[in-house]
Amino acid sequence: MSESLACTLPLTRWQGDRGTYHLVTITGQTAEAIAMHERMHRLEFGARRGFGSVKVVARVGETEWKTSVFPQRAKSEWVLLISRKVMRAEDLAEGDPVAFELELL
């Protein structure tokens, strides 16, 4: 059985050495739920996924895709990358509030 979470957060832009990325930074109770899911997965299977990530099915509006959320160093924040394809399909721009759902896998 998978767990579903919903949240609305601002879309932010991050400029890295290899390009520009758009993302939402997940904090609070939603981040805690993701961290607990990751811990339970590690206990059940005895190993972490790459970078401590958690596989999810993400939904923004009518757009759905399989991806992963990635922990930040403190583990109290997680990052969901939003591709340009999703941004175009859902008419999103930097700073817009993004209502999304995550199905934790």
C-alpha atoms as a PDB file:
ATOM      1  CA  MET A   1       0.000   0.000   0.000  1.00  0.00           C
ATOM      2  CA  SER A   2       1.344   3.411  -0.898  1.00  0.00           C
ATOM      3  CA  GLU A   3       0.891   6.667   0.950  1.00  0.00           C
ATOM      4  CA  SER A   4      -0.339   9.849  -0.744  1.00  0.00           C
ATOM      5  CA  LEU A   5       0.571  13.371   0.289  1.00  0.00           C
ATOM      6  CA  ALA A   6      -0.671  16.709  -1.031  1.00  0.00           C
ATOM      7  CA  CYS A   7       0.864  20.142  -0.678  1.00  0.00           C
ATOM      8  CA  THR A   8       1.025  23.596  -2.287  1.00  0.00           C
ATOM      9  CA  LEU A   9       4.439  25.276  -2.383  1.00  0.00           C
ATOM     10  CA  PRO A  10       6.140  27.972  -4.466  1.00  0.00           C
ATOM     11  CA  LEU A  11       8.106  27.014  -7.562  1.00  0.00           C
ATOM     12  CA  THR A  12      11.707  28.138  -7.190  1.00  0.00           C
ATOM     13  CA  ARG A  13      14.593  28.353  -9.618  1.00  0.00           C
ATOM     14  CA  TRP A  14      18.045  27.008  -8.833  1.00  0.00           C
ATOM     15  CA  GLN A  15      21.037  27.815 -11.021  1.00  0.00           C
ATOM     16  CA  GLY A  16      23.742  25.153 -10.936  1.00  0.00           C
ATOM     17  CA  ASP A  17      26.964  24.512 -12.820  1.00  0.00           C
ATOM     18  CA  ARG A  18      25.157  22.215 -15.246  1.00  0.00           C
ATOM     19  CA  GLY A  19      22.043  24.266 -15.836  1.00  0.00           C
ATOM     20  CA  THR A  20      18.908  25.761 -14.390  1.00  0.00           C
ATOM     21  CA  TYR A  21      16.443  23.665 -12.420  1.00  0.00           C
ATOM     22  CA  HIS A  22      12.953  24.413 -11.182  1.00  0.00           C
ATOM     23  CA  LEU A  23      11.836  22.748  -7.977  1.00  0.00           C
ATOM     24  CA  VAL A  24       9.688  22.836  -4.901  1.00  0.00           C
ATOM     25  CA  THR A  25      11.254  22.441  -1.473  1.00  0.00           C
ATOM     26  CA  ILE A  26       9.109  20.260   0.777  1.00  0.00           C
ATOM     27  CA  THR A  27       9.214  20.993   4.519  1.00  0.00           C
ATOM     28  CA  GLY A  28       7.116  20.475   7.634  1.00  0.00           C
ATOM     29  CA  GLN A  29       4.787  17.530   8.148  1.00  0.00           C
ATOM     30  CA  THR A  30       4.975  16.497   4.502  1.00  0.00           C
ATOM     31  CA  ALA A  31       8.771  16.283   4.726  1.00  0.00           C
ATOM     32  CA  GLU A  32       8.503  14.312   7.967  1.00  0.00           C
ATOM     33  CA  ALA A  33       6.146  11.813   6.320  1.00  0.00           C
ATOM     34  CA  ILE A  34       8.588  11.329   3.421  1.00  0.00           C
ATOM     35  CA  ALA A  35      11.500  10.855   5.844  1.00  0.00           C
ATOM     36  CA  MET A  36       9.526   8.229   7.803  1.00  0.00           C
ATOM     37  CA  HIS A  37       8.685   6.412   4.568  1.00  0.00           C
ATOM     38  CA  GLU A  38      12.385   6.380   3.644  1.00  0.00           C
ATOM     39  CA  ARG A  39      13.345   5.003   7.089  1.00  0.00           C
ATOM     40  CA  MET A  40      10.725   2.252   6.867  1.00  0.00           C
ATOM     41  CA  HIS A  41      11.966   1.306   3.374  1.00  0.00           C
ATOM     42  CA  ARG A  42      15.538   1.130   4.677  1.00  0.00           C
ATOM     43  CA  LEU A  43      14.468  -1.079   7.610  1.00  0.00           C
ATOM     44  CA  GLU A  44      12.433  -3.369   5.363  1.00  0.00           C
ATOM     45  CA  PHE A  45      14.967  -3.774   2.566  1.00  0.00           C
ATOM     46  CA  GLY A  46      18.229  -3.069   4.415  1.00  0.00           C
ATOM     47  CA  ALA A  47      19.522  -0.529   1.938  1.00  0.00           C
ATOM     48  CA  ARG A  48      19.070   3.075   0.895  1.00  0.00           C
ATOM     49  CA  ARG A  49      18.135   4.185  -2.582  1.00  0.00           C
ATOM     50  CA  GLY A  50      20.489   6.451  -4.481  1.00  0.00           C
ATOM     51  CA  PHE A  51      21.229   9.647  -2.525  1.00  0.00           C
ATOM     52  CA  GLY A  52      18.609   8.581   0.047  1.00  0.00           C
ATOM     53  CA  SER A  53      15.868   9.387  -2.469  1.00  0.00           C
ATOM     54  CA  VAL A  54      12.271   8.209  -2.327  1.00  0.00           C
ATOM     55  CA  LYS A  55      10.490   7.075  -5.490  1.00  0.00           C
ATOM     56  CA  VAL A  56       7.155   8.772  -6.109  1.00  0.00           C
ATOM     57  CA  VAL A  57       4.421   9.299  -8.629  1.00  0.00           C
ATOM     58  CA  ALA A  58       3.993  13.080  -8.779  1.00  0.00           C
ATOM     59  CA  ARG A  59       0.871  14.887  -9.993  1.00  0.00           C
ATOM     60  CA  VAL A  60       0.574  18.570 -10.826  1.00  0.00           C
ATOM     61  CA  GLY A  61      -2.800  19.430 -12.290  1.00  0.00           C
ATOM     62  CA  GLU A  62      -3.469  16.911 -15.056  1.00  0.00           C
ATOM     63  CA  THR A  63       0.204  15.960 -15.448  1.00  0.00           C
ATOM     64  CA  GLU A  64       1.504  12.799 -13.759  1.00  0.00           C
ATOM     65  CA  TRP A  65       5.009  11.315 -13.868  1.00  0.00           C
ATOM     66  CA  LYS A  66       7.292   8.904 -12.014  1.00  0.00           C
ATOM     67  CA  THR A  67      10.269  10.528 -10.339  1.00  0.00           C
ATOM     68  CA  SER A  68      12.050  10.738  -6.996  1.00  0.00           C
ATOM     69  CA  VAL A  69      12.230  13.295  -4.220  1.00  0.00           C
ATOM     70  CA  PHE A  70      15.678  13.973  -2.815  1.00  0.00           C
ATOM     71  CA  PRO A  71      16.644  14.816   0.766  1.00  0.00           C
ATOM     72  CA  GLN A  72      18.614  17.891   1.648  1.00  0.00           C
ATOM     73  CA  ARG A  73      21.515  17.591   4.070  1.00  0.00           C
ATOM     74  CA  ALA A  74      19.482  18.212   7.212  1.00  0.00           C
ATOM     75  CA  LYS A  75      16.844  15.593   6.185  1.00  0.00           C
ATOM     76  CA  SER A  76      14.164  18.077   7.213  1.00  0.00           C
ATOM     77  CA  GLU A  77      13.695  19.166   3.604  1.00  0.00           C
ATOM     78  CA  TRP A  78      13.066  17.268   0.389  1.00  0.00           C
ATOM     79  CA  VAL A  79      13.244  18.502  -3.204  1.00  0.00           C
ATOM     80  CA  LEU A  80      10.881  17.686  -6.075  1.00  0.00           C
ATOM     81  CA  LEU A  81      12.219  18.744  -9.474  1.00  0.00           C
ATOM     82  CA  ILE A  82       9.646  20.149 -11.904  1.00  0.00           C
ATOM     83  CA  SER A  83      10.620  19.700 -15.555  1.00  0.00           C
ATOM     84  CA  ARG A  84      10.058  22.286 -18.264  1.00  0.00           C
ATOM     85  CA  LYS A  85       7.625  19.867 -19.891  1.00  0.00           C
ATOM     86  CA  VAL A  86       5.447  19.909 -16.739  1.00  0.00           C
ATOM     87  CA  MET A  87       5.832  23.685 -16.407  1.00  0.00           C
ATOM     88  CA  ARG A  88       4.608  24.186 -19.992  1.00  0.00           C
ATOM     89  CA  ALA A  89       1.740  21.696 -19.661  1.00  0.00           C
ATOM     90  CA  GLU A  90       0.497  23.311 -16.438  1.00  0.00           C
ATOM     91  CA  ASP A  91       1.402  26.920 -17.354  1.00  0.00           C
ATOM     92  CA  LEU A  92       3.768  27.399 -14.402  1.00  0.00           C
ATOM     93  CA  ALA A  93       6.450  30.025 -13.867  1.00  0.00           C
ATOM     94  CA  GLU A  94       8.998  30.753 -11.150  1.00  0.00           C
ATOM     95  CA  GLY A  95       7.257  31.916  -7.979  1.00  0.00           C
ATOM     96  CA  ASP A  96       3.894  30.352  -8.824  1.00  0.00           C
ATOM     97  CA  PRO A  97       2.238  28.247  -6.133  1.00  0.00           C
ATOM     98  CA  VAL A  98       2.342  24.603  -7.230  1.00  0.00           C
ATOM     99  CA  ALA A  99      -0.379  22.302  -5.907  1.00  0.00           C
ATOM    100  CA  PHE A 100       0.966  18.772  -6.158  1.00  0.00           C
ATOM    101  CA  GLU A 101       0.334  15.270  -4.917  1.00  0.00           C
ATOM    102  CA  LEU A 102       2.944  12.610  -4.223  1.00  0.00           C
ATOM    103  CA  GLU A 103       2.240   8.912  -4.084  1.00  0.00           C
ATOM    104  CA  LEU A 104       5.156   7.403  -2.136  1.00  0.00           C
ATOM    105  CA  LEU A 105       6.341   4.140  -3.696  1.00  0.00           C
END
